[in-house]
Each structure stands twice: as structure tokens, then as C-alpha cells.
Amino acid sequence: MSVLEVGTVVAERTVELSRESLVRYAGASGDFNPIHYRDDVAARVELPGVLAHGMLTMGLAVETIVEWLGDSGRIVEYGVRFTRPVVVDAEHGATLTVTATVGAVDTETARIDLTVKHGATVVLGKAQVRVRTAA
């Protein structure tokens, strides 16, 4: 990891989600809430459509910095606020974009701010990862 400066973008990526992605995540996580795969249930509870699991979105977001870090064990803290749902269209899916920017640096750690968007909408608020700067 090179010298870190506040405002530096350290990683970016785009993730394509499909309904199949949601089913696979449901199987791995055990979260089979039908709002994550059935349009009729999502409509019945007045959601805008089938939603991606919040924890899936959170996990995909933090995974963006793992290659840059070189070791996911350097992550010491991670938190987000779920601000908007990610609607996964049956035909077109959903596209997430993640930008990781240095938000603060001290002697032993750095705060990496994640901007996570679905289209133009920010879907995770205050998505921050504290990482050890020394290996």
C-alpha cells in the first residue's frame, strides 16, 4: 500500500446482479425471504420490486477494496447504513457501482469511504471501512 492521501480513489468496480445472483445468495446465507425472488410478494408488501439482500450489497461493496489491500485481514471495522433498496429487474438485473476513496488517515489506520450506487442512487450511506495501514 502506497502513501495514502485523503481524497485518493483506491479502487472502483461495477457489479452486475441478476435474479440468479439473489437465489444463489439466498442459498448461501439462508435468507429465503420471498421479497428477494418473488415479484408478487414484493408487490403485496408495497415494495418497488424484488430487492437484493442488504447484506449482499454490503458484502459486494467491501469486496471492492480487498485486492487493493492485499489481505482482507487488514480490515478492522466496517459499517454502513442501508439507505435505498436495490431493485433487481427480472430481465435486466441491476448494476452496482462502487468507488473506494480515502476519507481519513492516522498513524495506524485509514478510513476508506465507499460510494455505492444503483444507477444514480446512492444505496448505502456512511459506508466506511477502517483498515490497518501497516502489514
N, C-alpha and C. Protein backbone atom coordinates (compact mmCIF):
# COMPACT_ATOMS: atom_id res chain seq x y z
N MET A 1 0.86 -1.17 0.00
CA MET A 1 0.00 0.00 0.00
C MET A 1 0.91 1.23 0.00
N SER A 2 0.68 2.13 -0.93
CA SER A 2 1.49 3.35 -1.03
C SER A 2 1.02 4.38 -0.01
N VAL A 3 1.67 5.52 0.00
CA VAL A 3 1.28 6.61 0.89
C VAL A 3 -0.15 7.01 0.57
N LEU A 4 -0.96 7.12 1.61
CA LEU A 4 -2.37 7.42 1.41
C LEU A 4 -2.65 8.89 1.63
N GLU A 5 -3.40 9.46 0.72
CA GLU A 5 -3.81 10.85 0.83
C GLU A 5 -5.33 10.91 0.78
N VAL A 6 -5.91 11.73 1.65
CA VAL A 6 -7.35 11.91 1.67
C VAL A 6 -7.82 12.36 0.29
N GLY A 7 -8.88 11.73 -0.19
CA GLY A 7 -9.44 12.05 -1.49
C GLY A 7 -8.99 11.14 -2.61
N THR A 8 -7.97 10.32 -2.36
CA THR A 8 -7.48 9.40 -3.39
C THR A 8 -8.44 8.23 -3.58
N VAL A 9 -8.80 7.95 -4.82
CA VAL A 9 -9.61 6.77 -5.14
C VAL A 9 -8.66 5.59 -5.20
N VAL A 10 -8.93 4.57 -4.36
CA VAL A 10 -8.04 3.41 -4.30
C VAL A 10 -8.58 2.19 -5.04
N ALA A 11 -9.87 2.18 -5.31
CA ALA A 11 -10.47 1.05 -6.05
C ALA A 11 -11.84 1.46 -6.58
N GLU A 12 -12.20 0.85 -7.70
CA GLU A 12 -13.52 1.06 -8.30
C GLU A 12 -13.93 -0.24 -8.97
N ARG A 13 -15.23 -0.47 -9.01
CA ARG A 13 -15.71 -1.63 -9.77
C ARG A 13 -17.20 -1.52 -10.02
N THR A 14 -17.64 -2.30 -10.99
CA THR A 14 -19.05 -2.42 -11.33
C THR A 14 -19.44 -3.87 -11.15
N VAL A 15 -20.60 -4.08 -10.52
CA VAL A 15 -21.09 -5.43 -10.26
C VAL A 15 -22.48 -5.56 -10.89
N GLU A 16 -22.66 -6.61 -11.67
CA GLU A 16 -23.96 -6.90 -12.27
C GLU A 16 -24.67 -7.95 -11.41
N LEU A 17 -25.88 -7.63 -11.00
CA LEU A 17 -26.70 -8.57 -10.23
C LEU A 17 -27.84 -9.06 -11.10
N SER A 18 -28.18 -10.31 -10.95
CA SER A 18 -29.33 -10.89 -11.63
C SER A 18 -30.22 -11.55 -10.59
N ARG A 19 -31.38 -11.97 -10.99
CA ARG A 19 -32.23 -12.72 -10.07
C ARG A 19 -31.51 -14.01 -9.64
N GLU A 20 -30.75 -14.59 -10.54
CA GLU A 20 -29.97 -15.79 -10.18
C GLU A 20 -28.98 -15.46 -9.07
N SER A 21 -28.37 -14.29 -9.11
CA SER A 21 -27.46 -13.87 -8.04
C SER A 21 -28.17 -13.89 -6.70
N LEU A 22 -29.41 -13.43 -6.68
CA LEU A 22 -30.18 -13.37 -5.44
C LEU A 22 -30.50 -14.77 -4.92
N VAL A 23 -30.85 -15.66 -5.83
CA VAL A 23 -31.16 -17.03 -5.42
C VAL A 23 -29.91 -17.71 -4.86
N ARG A 24 -28.78 -17.50 -5.52
CA ARG A 24 -27.53 -18.08 -5.03
C ARG A 24 -27.17 -17.53 -3.65
N TYR A 25 -27.34 -16.22 -3.47
CA TYR A 25 -27.05 -15.62 -2.16
C TYR A 25 -28.01 -16.16 -1.10
N ALA A 26 -29.27 -16.30 -1.46
CA ALA A 26 -30.25 -16.85 -0.51
C ALA A 26 -29.82 -18.24 -0.04
N GLY A 27 -29.36 -19.05 -0.97
CA GLY A 27 -28.89 -20.39 -0.61
C GLY A 27 -27.68 -20.36 0.30
N ALA A 28 -26.75 -19.46 0.02
CA ALA A 28 -25.54 -19.36 0.83
C ALA A 28 -25.81 -18.78 2.21
N SER A 29 -26.73 -17.83 2.28
CA SER A 29 -26.98 -17.12 3.55
C SER A 29 -28.11 -17.72 4.37
N GLY A 30 -28.98 -18.47 3.70
CA GLY A 30 -30.16 -19.00 4.39
C GLY A 30 -31.30 -18.00 4.47
N ASP A 31 -31.16 -16.86 3.81
CA ASP A 31 -32.21 -15.82 3.83
C ASP A 31 -33.12 -16.03 2.62
N PHE A 32 -34.20 -16.76 2.83
CA PHE A 32 -35.13 -17.07 1.75
C PHE A 32 -36.39 -16.21 1.80
N ASN A 33 -36.28 -15.01 2.32
CA ASN A 33 -37.42 -14.10 2.32
C ASN A 33 -37.86 -13.91 0.87
N PRO A 34 -39.13 -14.16 0.56
CA PRO A 34 -39.57 -14.10 -0.84
C PRO A 34 -39.51 -12.71 -1.48
N ILE A 35 -39.29 -11.65 -0.73
CA ILE A 35 -39.13 -10.33 -1.36
C ILE A 35 -37.87 -10.27 -2.20
N HIS A 36 -37.00 -11.27 -2.02
CA HIS A 36 -35.75 -11.33 -2.77
C HIS A 36 -35.83 -12.17 -4.03
N TYR A 37 -37.02 -12.73 -4.32
CA TYR A 37 -37.12 -13.52 -5.55
C TYR A 37 -38.52 -13.59 -6.15
N ARG A 38 -39.55 -13.08 -5.45
CA ARG A 38 -40.91 -13.17 -5.99
C ARG A 38 -41.53 -11.79 -6.16
N ASP A 39 -41.86 -11.46 -7.41
CA ASP A 39 -42.47 -10.17 -7.71
C ASP A 39 -43.81 -9.98 -7.01
N ASP A 40 -44.62 -11.04 -6.96
CA ASP A 40 -45.94 -10.92 -6.35
C ASP A 40 -45.86 -10.59 -4.86
N VAL A 41 -44.92 -11.19 -4.16
CA VAL A 41 -44.76 -10.91 -2.73
C VAL A 41 -44.23 -9.49 -2.53
N ALA A 42 -43.25 -9.09 -3.33
CA ALA A 42 -42.72 -7.72 -3.23
C ALA A 42 -43.83 -6.70 -3.46
N ALA A 43 -44.68 -6.94 -4.46
CA ALA A 43 -45.79 -6.02 -4.75
C ALA A 43 -46.79 -5.99 -3.60
N ARG A 44 -47.08 -7.17 -3.04
CA ARG A 44 -48.06 -7.27 -1.96
C ARG A 44 -47.63 -6.46 -0.73
N VAL A 45 -46.32 -6.36 -0.48
CA VAL A 45 -45.85 -5.58 0.67
C VAL A 45 -45.41 -4.17 0.25
N GLU A 46 -45.85 -3.79 -0.96
CA GLU A 46 -45.67 -2.44 -1.49
C GLU A 46 -44.21 -2.02 -1.69
N LEU A 47 -43.40 -2.98 -2.10
CA LEU A 47 -42.02 -2.68 -2.49
C LEU A 47 -41.99 -2.34 -3.97
N PRO A 48 -40.97 -1.62 -4.42
CA PRO A 48 -40.90 -1.25 -5.84
C PRO A 48 -40.53 -2.42 -6.76
N GLY A 49 -40.21 -3.56 -6.20
CA GLY A 49 -39.84 -4.74 -6.96
C GLY A 49 -39.06 -5.69 -6.08
N VAL A 50 -38.54 -6.75 -6.68
CA VAL A 50 -37.70 -7.71 -5.96
C VAL A 50 -36.41 -6.99 -5.56
N LEU A 51 -36.03 -7.15 -4.30
CA LEU A 51 -34.87 -6.43 -3.77
C LEU A 51 -33.68 -7.35 -3.55
N ALA A 52 -32.49 -6.81 -3.81
CA ALA A 52 -31.26 -7.51 -3.43
C ALA A 52 -31.17 -7.51 -1.91
N HIS A 53 -30.61 -8.55 -1.36
CA HIS A 53 -30.37 -8.62 0.08
C HIS A 53 -29.43 -7.48 0.48
N GLY A 54 -29.73 -6.83 1.57
CA GLY A 54 -28.86 -5.76 2.05
C GLY A 54 -27.46 -6.24 2.35
N MET A 55 -27.36 -7.42 2.95
CA MET A 55 -26.03 -7.94 3.29
C MET A 55 -25.24 -8.34 2.04
N LEU A 56 -25.94 -8.72 0.98
CA LEU A 56 -25.25 -9.00 -0.29
C LEU A 56 -24.65 -7.71 -0.82
N THR A 57 -25.44 -6.65 -0.82
CA THR A 57 -24.95 -5.35 -1.29
C THR A 57 -23.76 -4.90 -0.45
N MET A 58 -23.87 -5.05 0.86
CA MET A 58 -22.79 -4.67 1.77
C MET A 58 -21.51 -5.47 1.50
N GLY A 59 -21.66 -6.77 1.31
CA GLY A 59 -20.50 -7.62 1.04
C GLY A 59 -19.84 -7.32 -0.28
N LEU A 60 -20.64 -7.08 -1.32
CA LEU A 60 -20.08 -6.74 -2.62
C LEU A 60 -19.32 -5.42 -2.55
N ALA A 61 -19.84 -4.49 -1.76
CA ALA A 61 -19.19 -3.18 -1.64
C ALA A 61 -17.81 -3.31 -1.03
N VAL A 62 -17.69 -3.99 0.10
CA VAL A 62 -16.39 -4.08 0.78
C VAL A 62 -15.40 -4.93 -0.01
N GLU A 63 -15.90 -5.89 -0.76
CA GLU A 63 -15.02 -6.73 -1.56
C GLU A 63 -14.22 -5.91 -2.57
N THR A 64 -14.72 -4.74 -2.90
CA THR A 64 -14.04 -3.86 -3.87
C THR A 64 -12.62 -3.51 -3.44
N ILE A 65 -12.37 -3.41 -2.13
CA ILE A 65 -11.03 -2.98 -1.68
C ILE A 65 -10.09 -4.13 -1.36
N VAL A 66 -10.56 -5.37 -1.41
CA VAL A 66 -9.72 -6.49 -0.98
C VAL A 66 -8.46 -6.63 -1.82
N GLU A 67 -8.57 -6.55 -3.14
CA GLU A 67 -7.37 -6.67 -3.97
C GLU A 67 -6.38 -5.55 -3.66
N TRP A 68 -6.88 -4.33 -3.51
CA TRP A 68 -6.01 -3.19 -3.17
C TRP A 68 -5.32 -3.42 -1.84
N LEU A 69 -6.04 -3.93 -0.84
CA LEU A 69 -5.47 -4.19 0.47
C LEU A 69 -4.42 -5.30 0.43
N GLY A 70 -4.68 -6.31 -0.41
CA GLY A 70 -3.78 -7.45 -0.46
C GLY A 70 -4.06 -8.48 0.61
N ASP A 71 -4.83 -8.13 1.63
CA ASP A 71 -5.14 -9.04 2.73
C ASP A 71 -6.39 -8.52 3.43
N SER A 72 -7.49 -9.26 3.31
CA SER A 72 -8.74 -8.81 3.93
C SER A 72 -8.64 -8.77 5.46
N GLY A 73 -7.63 -9.44 6.03
CA GLY A 73 -7.41 -9.40 7.48
C GLY A 73 -7.00 -8.02 7.97
N ARG A 74 -6.69 -7.11 7.06
CA ARG A 74 -6.34 -5.74 7.45
C ARG A 74 -7.57 -4.89 7.73
N ILE A 75 -8.74 -5.41 7.42
CA ILE A 75 -9.98 -4.70 7.73
C ILE A 75 -10.25 -4.86 9.22
N VAL A 76 -10.36 -3.74 9.92
CA VAL A 76 -10.60 -3.80 11.36
C VAL A 76 -12.01 -3.39 11.74
N GLU A 77 -12.71 -2.70 10.86
CA GLU A 77 -14.08 -2.26 11.15
C GLU A 77 -14.77 -1.92 9.84
N TYR A 78 -16.06 -2.23 9.79
CA TYR A 78 -16.84 -1.93 8.59
C TYR A 78 -18.28 -1.69 9.00
N GLY A 79 -18.86 -0.63 8.50
CA GLY A 79 -20.25 -0.35 8.80
C GLY A 79 -20.89 0.44 7.67
N VAL A 80 -22.20 0.28 7.55
CA VAL A 80 -22.98 1.00 6.53
C VAL A 80 -24.34 1.35 7.12
N ARG A 81 -25.03 2.23 6.43
CA ARG A 81 -26.45 2.45 6.65
C ARG A 81 -27.15 2.08 5.35
N PHE A 82 -28.19 1.28 5.46
CA PHE A 82 -28.96 0.91 4.28
C PHE A 82 -29.94 2.04 4.00
N THR A 83 -29.70 2.78 2.91
CA THR A 83 -30.49 3.98 2.65
C THR A 83 -31.55 3.82 1.56
N ARG A 84 -31.27 3.02 0.55
CA ARG A 84 -32.20 2.80 -0.56
C ARG A 84 -32.10 1.34 -0.99
N PRO A 85 -33.22 0.78 -1.43
CA PRO A 85 -33.17 -0.61 -1.89
C PRO A 85 -32.55 -0.73 -3.28
N VAL A 86 -32.03 -1.91 -3.55
CA VAL A 86 -31.54 -2.23 -4.89
C VAL A 86 -32.58 -3.15 -5.52
N VAL A 87 -33.33 -2.60 -6.47
CA VAL A 87 -34.36 -3.37 -7.17
C VAL A 87 -33.67 -4.13 -8.31
N VAL A 88 -33.88 -5.43 -8.33
CA VAL A 88 -33.27 -6.29 -9.35
C VAL A 88 -34.36 -6.72 -10.33
N ASP A 89 -34.33 -6.11 -11.49
CA ASP A 89 -35.31 -6.38 -12.54
C ASP A 89 -35.16 -7.81 -13.05
N ALA A 90 -36.28 -8.46 -13.33
CA ALA A 90 -36.26 -9.85 -13.79
C ALA A 90 -35.49 -10.01 -15.09
N GLU A 91 -35.61 -9.05 -15.99
CA GLU A 91 -34.96 -9.15 -17.30
C GLU A 91 -33.58 -8.50 -17.33
N HIS A 92 -33.47 -7.30 -16.76
CA HIS A 92 -32.24 -6.53 -16.88
C HIS A 92 -31.33 -6.58 -15.66
N GLY A 93 -31.79 -7.13 -14.56
CA GLY A 93 -30.98 -7.20 -13.36
C GLY A 93 -30.77 -5.82 -12.76
N ALA A 94 -29.62 -5.63 -12.16
CA ALA A 94 -29.26 -4.35 -11.53
C ALA A 94 -27.76 -4.20 -11.61
N THR A 95 -27.32 -2.97 -11.75
CA THR A 95 -25.89 -2.67 -11.80
C THR A 95 -25.53 -1.83 -10.59
N LEU A 96 -24.53 -2.29 -9.84
CA LEU A 96 -23.99 -1.53 -8.72
C LEU A 96 -22.63 -0.99 -9.13
N THR A 97 -22.37 0.25 -8.77
CA THR A 97 -21.02 0.80 -8.94
C THR A 97 -20.49 1.16 -7.56
N VAL A 98 -19.23 0.83 -7.34
CA VAL A 98 -18.60 1.08 -6.06
C VAL A 98 -17.31 1.85 -6.29
N THR A 99 -17.16 2.94 -5.55
CA THR A 99 -15.92 3.72 -5.58
C THR A 99 -15.40 3.81 -4.16
N ALA A 100 -14.13 3.45 -3.97
CA ALA A 100 -13.49 3.46 -2.66
C ALA A 100 -12.49 4.61 -2.62
N THR A 101 -12.71 5.53 -1.68
CA THR A 101 -11.90 6.75 -1.58
C THR A 101 -11.34 6.88 -0.17
N VAL A 102 -10.09 7.30 -0.05
CA VAL A 102 -9.51 7.54 1.27
C VAL A 102 -10.23 8.72 1.90
N GLY A 103 -10.81 8.47 3.08
CA GLY A 103 -11.56 9.51 3.78
C GLY A 103 -10.79 10.13 4.92
N ALA A 104 -9.90 9.37 5.54
CA ALA A 104 -9.10 9.87 6.67
C ALA A 104 -7.92 8.92 6.88
N VAL A 105 -6.84 9.46 7.40
CA VAL A 105 -5.64 8.67 7.67
C VAL A 105 -5.09 9.08 9.03
N ASP A 106 -4.70 8.08 9.85
CA ASP A 106 -3.97 8.40 11.07
C ASP A 106 -2.71 7.53 11.09
N THR A 107 -2.07 7.40 12.21
CA THR A 107 -0.78 6.72 12.24
C THR A 107 -0.85 5.22 11.96
N GLU A 108 -1.96 4.57 12.31
CA GLU A 108 -2.03 3.12 12.13
C GLU A 108 -3.14 2.65 11.21
N THR A 109 -4.12 3.51 10.95
CA THR A 109 -5.26 3.08 10.15
C THR A 109 -5.66 4.16 9.14
N ALA A 110 -6.47 3.73 8.22
CA ALA A 110 -7.08 4.66 7.26
C ALA A 110 -8.56 4.34 7.20
N ARG A 111 -9.35 5.36 6.96
CA ARG A 111 -10.78 5.16 6.73
C ARG A 111 -11.02 5.25 5.24
N ILE A 112 -11.60 4.19 4.69
CA ILE A 112 -11.94 4.16 3.28
C ILE A 112 -13.45 4.34 3.17
N ASP A 113 -13.86 5.34 2.43
CA ASP A 113 -15.27 5.63 2.23
C ASP A 113 -15.73 4.98 0.93
N LEU A 114 -16.79 4.20 1.02
CA LEU A 114 -17.33 3.52 -0.16
C LEU A 114 -18.58 4.25 -0.64
N THR A 115 -18.59 4.61 -1.90
CA THR A 115 -19.78 5.17 -2.52
C THR A 115 -20.39 4.05 -3.35
N VAL A 116 -21.60 3.65 -2.98
CA VAL A 116 -22.24 2.51 -3.63
C VAL A 116 -23.53 3.01 -4.26
N LYS A 117 -23.61 2.88 -5.59
CA LYS A 117 -24.76 3.39 -6.33
C LYS A 117 -25.42 2.31 -7.17
N HIS A 118 -26.73 2.45 -7.29
CA HIS A 118 -27.52 1.68 -8.24
C HIS A 118 -28.08 2.74 -9.17
N GLY A 119 -27.54 2.79 -10.38
CA GLY A 119 -27.86 3.91 -11.27
C GLY A 119 -27.28 5.17 -10.65
N ALA A 120 -28.09 6.20 -10.53
CA ALA A 120 -27.63 7.46 -9.93
C ALA A 120 -27.94 7.53 -8.43
N THR A 121 -28.54 6.47 -7.88
CA THR A 121 -28.98 6.48 -6.49
C THR A 121 -27.96 5.84 -5.57
N VAL A 122 -27.55 6.57 -4.54
CA VAL A 122 -26.67 6.00 -3.51
C VAL A 122 -27.51 5.07 -2.65
N VAL A 123 -27.08 3.81 -2.53
CA VAL A 123 -27.88 2.82 -1.82
C VAL A 123 -27.34 2.45 -0.44
N LEU A 124 -26.09 2.79 -0.17
CA LEU A 124 -25.52 2.60 1.17
C LEU A 124 -25.01 3.94 1.65
N GLY A 125 -25.43 4.34 2.82
CA GLY A 125 -24.95 5.59 3.40
C GLY A 125 -23.88 5.31 4.42
N LYS A 126 -23.00 6.26 4.59
CA LYS A 126 -21.93 6.18 5.57
C LYS A 126 -21.25 4.80 5.53
N ALA A 127 -20.96 4.35 4.33
CA ALA A 127 -20.26 3.07 4.14
C ALA A 127 -18.78 3.33 4.34
N GLN A 128 -18.28 2.91 5.49
CA GLN A 128 -16.89 3.21 5.85
C GLN A 128 -16.17 1.95 6.34
N VAL A 129 -14.94 1.81 5.87
CA VAL A 129 -14.11 0.67 6.25
C VAL A 129 -12.84 1.21 6.89
N ARG A 130 -12.55 0.78 8.09
CA ARG A 130 -11.28 1.15 8.73
C ARG A 130 -10.30 0.00 8.49
N VAL A 131 -9.12 0.34 7.94
CA VAL A 131 -8.12 -0.66 7.60
C VAL A 131 -6.79 -0.31 8.25
N ARG A 132 -6.04 -1.35 8.60
CA ARG A 132 -4.66 -1.15 9.10
C ARG A 132 -3.80 -0.75 7.93
N THR A 133 -2.97 0.28 8.12
CA THR A 133 -2.11 0.73 7.03
C THR A 133 -0.81 -0.04 6.98
N ALA A 134 -0.37 -0.59 8.11
CA ALA A 134 0.86 -1.37 8.14
C ALA A 134 0.53 -2.85 8.09
N ALA A 135 1.29 -3.57 7.28
CA ALA A 135 1.03 -5.03 7.15
C ALA A 135 1.43 -5.78 8.39
